[in-house]
Amino acid sequence: MKLIAFLLLAIAAIFASADFNADAVQCLALRPKYHQAINKFCKRDIVIPSGYAQRGTKVGGKAVIVTGDCRPKQRVSKRKCRKRLFKMCRHSNEIGQSNKYFGFNKCQKWTTWPMDVRV
């Protein structure tokens, strides 16, 4: 019985990982500079709000930032950071811009922003 439970958990993890990997692969194919910015930004856990999150990061004119007024502050793991941003990258508009709200009471605003394009 324990073996069956373990196998079911392993299968669920594989499917969850496959979806995450598909977003990362599509982001890399469609928007390589955003992919680089996401990897740079999500190299560690982040806290929202914080100076690090609000400054974000920029690579080749592509920016990734997280703003918010969360009280209390909310921690986001580097894995969750990458998962959210790769999905946003994959489903962004034609110039790579995307905004999504996450966190308790949607107090976190996650943004991918093409600094090199005038909108």
C-alpha atoms as a PDB file:
ATOM      1  CA  MET A   1       0.000   0.000   0.000  1.00  0.00           C
ATOM      2  CA  LYS A   2       2.849   2.395   0.801  1.00  0.00           C
ATOM      3  CA  LEU A   3       4.423   1.599  -2.550  1.00  0.00           C
ATOM      4  CA  ILE A   4       1.233   2.575  -4.395  1.00  0.00           C
ATOM      5  CA  ALA A   5       1.014   5.858  -2.489  1.00  0.00           C
ATOM      6  CA  PHE A   6       4.664   6.586  -3.267  1.00  0.00           C
ATOM      7  CA  LEU A   7       4.163   5.842  -6.973  1.00  0.00           C
ATOM      8  CA  LEU A   8       1.106   8.089  -7.152  1.00  0.00           C
ATOM      9  CA  LEU A   9       3.036  10.943  -5.535  1.00  0.00           C
ATOM     10  CA  ALA A  10       5.942  10.403  -7.928  1.00  0.00           C
ATOM     11  CA  ILE A  11       3.628  10.484 -10.949  1.00  0.00           C
ATOM     12  CA  ALA A  12       1.951  13.674  -9.700  1.00  0.00           C
ATOM     13  CA  ALA A  13       5.356  15.296  -9.222  1.00  0.00           C
ATOM     14  CA  ILE A  14       6.417  14.369 -12.753  1.00  0.00           C
ATOM     15  CA  PHE A  15       3.295  15.940 -14.267  1.00  0.00           C
ATOM     16  CA  ALA A  16       3.675  19.101 -12.179  1.00  0.00           C
ATOM     17  CA  SER A  17       7.341  19.322 -13.170  1.00  0.00           C
ATOM     18  CA  ALA A  18       6.517  18.775 -16.850  1.00  0.00           C
ATOM     19  CA  ASP A  19       4.116  21.737 -16.871  1.00  0.00           C
ATOM     20  CA  PHE A  20       6.712  23.950 -15.184  1.00  0.00           C
ATOM     21  CA  ASN A  21       9.390  22.813 -17.633  1.00  0.00           C
ATOM     22  CA  ALA A  22       7.102  23.478 -20.607  1.00  0.00           C
ATOM     23  CA  ASP A  23       6.658  27.077 -19.479  1.00  0.00           C
ATOM     24  CA  ALA A  24      10.426  27.503 -19.022  1.00  0.00           C
ATOM     25  CA  VAL A  25      11.205  25.961 -22.432  1.00  0.00           C
ATOM     26  CA  GLN A  26       8.572  28.077 -24.199  1.00  0.00           C
ATOM     27  CA  CYS A  27       9.826  31.208 -22.452  1.00  0.00           C
ATOM     28  CA  LEU A  28      13.375  30.453 -23.569  1.00  0.00           C
ATOM     29  CA  ALA A  29      12.239  29.859 -27.153  1.00  0.00           C
ATOM     30  CA  LEU A  30       9.975  32.922 -27.359  1.00  0.00           C
ATOM     31  CA  ARG A  31      11.782  35.421 -25.147  1.00  0.00           C
ATOM     32  CA  PRO A  32      15.358  34.436 -24.253  1.00  0.00           C
ATOM     33  CA  LYS A  33      16.189  37.755 -22.541  1.00  0.00           C
ATOM     34  CA  TYR A  34      13.216  37.361 -20.193  1.00  0.00           C
ATOM     35  CA  HIS A  35      14.346  33.797 -19.481  1.00  0.00           C
ATOM     36  CA  GLN A  36      17.753  35.150 -18.461  1.00  0.00           C
ATOM     37  CA  ALA A  37      16.191  37.904 -16.336  1.00  0.00           C
ATOM     38  CA  ILE A  38      13.939  35.385 -14.552  1.00  0.00           C
ATOM     39  CA  ASN A  39      16.861  33.095 -13.735  1.00  0.00           C
ATOM     40  CA  LYS A  40      18.857  36.058 -12.448  1.00  0.00           C
ATOM     41  CA  PHE A  41      15.983  37.447 -10.344  1.00  0.00           C
ATOM     42  CA  CYS A  42      14.799  34.120  -8.903  1.00  0.00           C
ATOM     43  CA  LYS A  43      18.221  32.884  -7.797  1.00  0.00           C
ATOM     44  CA  ARG A  44      17.073  33.179  -4.159  1.00  0.00           C
ATOM     45  CA  ASP A  45      13.887  33.379  -2.108  1.00  0.00           C
ATOM     46  CA  ILE A  46      12.367  36.853  -2.129  1.00  0.00           C
ATOM     47  CA  VAL A  47      10.312  38.853   0.336  1.00  0.00           C
ATOM     48  CA  ILE A  48       7.483  41.138  -0.742  1.00  0.00           C
ATOM     49  CA  PRO A  49       7.684  44.029  -0.215  1.00  0.00           C
ATOM     50  CA  SER A  50      11.449  44.508  -0.306  1.00  0.00           C
ATOM     51  CA  GLY A  51      13.964  46.657  -2.106  1.00  0.00           C
ATOM     52  CA  TYR A  52      15.259  43.596  -3.968  1.00  0.00           C
ATOM     53  CA  ALA A  53      11.815  42.688  -5.324  1.00  0.00           C
ATOM     54  CA  GLN A  54      10.918  46.274  -6.220  1.00  0.00           C
ATOM     55  CA  ARG A  55      14.248  46.925  -7.993  1.00  0.00           C
ATOM     56  CA  GLY A  56      13.867  43.657  -9.868  1.00  0.00           C
ATOM     57  CA  THR A  57      16.381  42.842 -12.539  1.00  0.00           C
ATOM     58  CA  LYS A  58      17.037  43.756 -16.144  1.00  0.00           C
ATOM     59  CA  VAL A  59      18.704  41.790 -18.940  1.00  0.00           C
ATOM     60  CA  GLY A  60      18.995  43.175 -22.460  1.00  0.00           C
ATOM     61  CA  GLY A  61      16.232  45.722 -21.939  1.00  0.00           C
ATOM     62  CA  LYS A  62      13.828  43.189 -20.402  1.00  0.00           C
ATOM     63  CA  ALA A  63      12.786  43.759 -16.794  1.00  0.00           C
ATOM     64  CA  VAL A  64      11.239  41.574 -14.114  1.00  0.00           C
ATOM     65  CA  ILE A  65       9.905  43.252 -10.966  1.00  0.00           C
ATOM     66  CA  VAL A  66       7.586  42.482  -8.067  1.00  0.00           C
ATOM     67  CA  THR A  67       5.887  45.283  -6.179  1.00  0.00           C
ATOM     68  CA  GLY A  68       3.355  45.131  -3.420  1.00  0.00           C
ATOM     69  CA  ASP A  69       2.168  46.348  -0.083  1.00  0.00           C
ATOM     70  CA  CYS A  70       1.762  43.031   1.720  1.00  0.00           C
ATOM     71  CA  ARG A  71       1.237  43.184   5.475  1.00  0.00           C
ATOM     72  CA  PRO A  72       2.768  41.138   6.891  1.00  0.00           C
ATOM     73  CA  LYS A  73       5.561  40.695   4.402  1.00  0.00           C
ATOM     74  CA  GLN A  74       5.310  37.521   2.318  1.00  0.00           C
ATOM     75  CA  ARG A  75       8.131  35.158   1.414  1.00  0.00           C
ATOM     76  CA  VAL A  76       8.208  33.545  -2.035  1.00  0.00           C
ATOM     77  CA  SER A  77      10.500  30.591  -2.695  1.00  0.00           C
ATOM     78  CA  LYS A  78      12.852  30.728  -5.666  1.00  0.00           C
ATOM     79  CA  ARG A  79      11.001  27.756  -7.186  1.00  0.00           C
ATOM     80  CA  LYS A  80       7.630  29.514  -6.954  1.00  0.00           C
ATOM     81  CA  CYS A  81       9.233  32.708  -8.285  1.00  0.00           C
ATOM     82  CA  ARG A  82      10.521  30.885 -11.362  1.00  0.00           C
ATOM     83  CA  LYS A  83       7.269  29.001 -11.884  1.00  0.00           C
ATOM     84  CA  ARG A  84       5.168  32.182 -11.820  1.00  0.00           C
ATOM     85  CA  LEU A  85       7.448  34.210 -14.041  1.00  0.00           C
ATOM     86  CA  PHE A  86       8.044  31.474 -16.630  1.00  0.00           C
ATOM     87  CA  LYS A  87       4.280  31.022 -16.949  1.00  0.00           C
ATOM     88  CA  MET A  88       3.837  34.801 -17.304  1.00  0.00           C
ATOM     89  CA  CYS A  89       6.601  34.903 -19.920  1.00  0.00           C
ATOM     90  CA  ARG A  90       5.004  32.099 -21.905  1.00  0.00           C
ATOM     91  CA  HIS A  91       1.586  33.798 -21.916  1.00  0.00           C
ATOM     92  CA  SER A  92       2.698  37.430 -22.248  1.00  0.00           C
ATOM     93  CA  ASN A  93       1.515  39.788 -24.986  1.00  0.00           C
ATOM     94  CA  GLU A  94       3.328  40.355 -28.281  1.00  0.00           C
ATOM     95  CA  ILE A  95       5.966  42.638 -26.711  1.00  0.00           C
ATOM     96  CA  GLY A  96       6.530  40.428 -23.655  1.00  0.00           C
ATOM     97  CA  GLN A  97       4.587  42.487 -21.132  1.00  0.00           C
ATOM     98  CA  SER A  98       2.586  40.737 -18.449  1.00  0.00           C
ATOM     99  CA  ASN A  99       1.104  41.668 -15.058  1.00  0.00           C
ATOM    100  CA  LYS A 100      -0.303  39.180 -12.560  1.00  0.00           C
ATOM    101  CA  TYR A 101      -1.368  39.464  -8.942  1.00  0.00           C
ATOM    102  CA  PHE A 102      -0.490  36.812  -6.377  1.00  0.00           C
ATOM    103  CA  GLY A 103      -0.247  36.385  -2.633  1.00  0.00           C
ATOM    104  CA  PHE A 104      -2.667  36.793   0.230  1.00  0.00           C
ATOM    105  CA  ASN A 105      -5.302  39.362  -0.819  1.00  0.00           C
ATOM    106  CA  LYS A 106      -3.493  39.642  -4.182  1.00  0.00           C
ATOM    107  CA  CYS A 107      -1.067  42.140  -2.637  1.00  0.00           C
ATOM    108  CA  GLN A 108       1.843  41.138  -4.937  1.00  0.00           C
ATOM    109  CA  LYS A 109       2.048  42.594  -8.458  1.00  0.00           C
ATOM    110  CA  TRP A 110       4.405  40.594 -10.682  1.00  0.00           C
ATOM    111  CA  THR A 111       5.498  42.305 -13.905  1.00  0.00           C
ATOM    112  CA  THR A 112       7.523  41.459 -16.989  1.00  0.00           C
ATOM    113  CA  TRP A 113       8.262  44.668 -18.812  1.00  0.00           C
ATOM    114  CA  PRO A 114      10.055  45.437 -22.101  1.00  0.00           C
ATOM    115  CA  MET A 115      12.079  48.509 -21.188  1.00  0.00           C
ATOM    116  CA  ASP A 116      13.430  48.688 -24.740  1.00  0.00           C
ATOM    117  CA  VAL A 117       9.967  49.096 -26.342  1.00  0.00           C
ATOM    118  CA  ARG A 118       7.906  52.261 -26.157  1.00  0.00           C
ATOM    119  CA  VAL A 119       4.251  51.570 -25.405  1.00  0.00           C
END
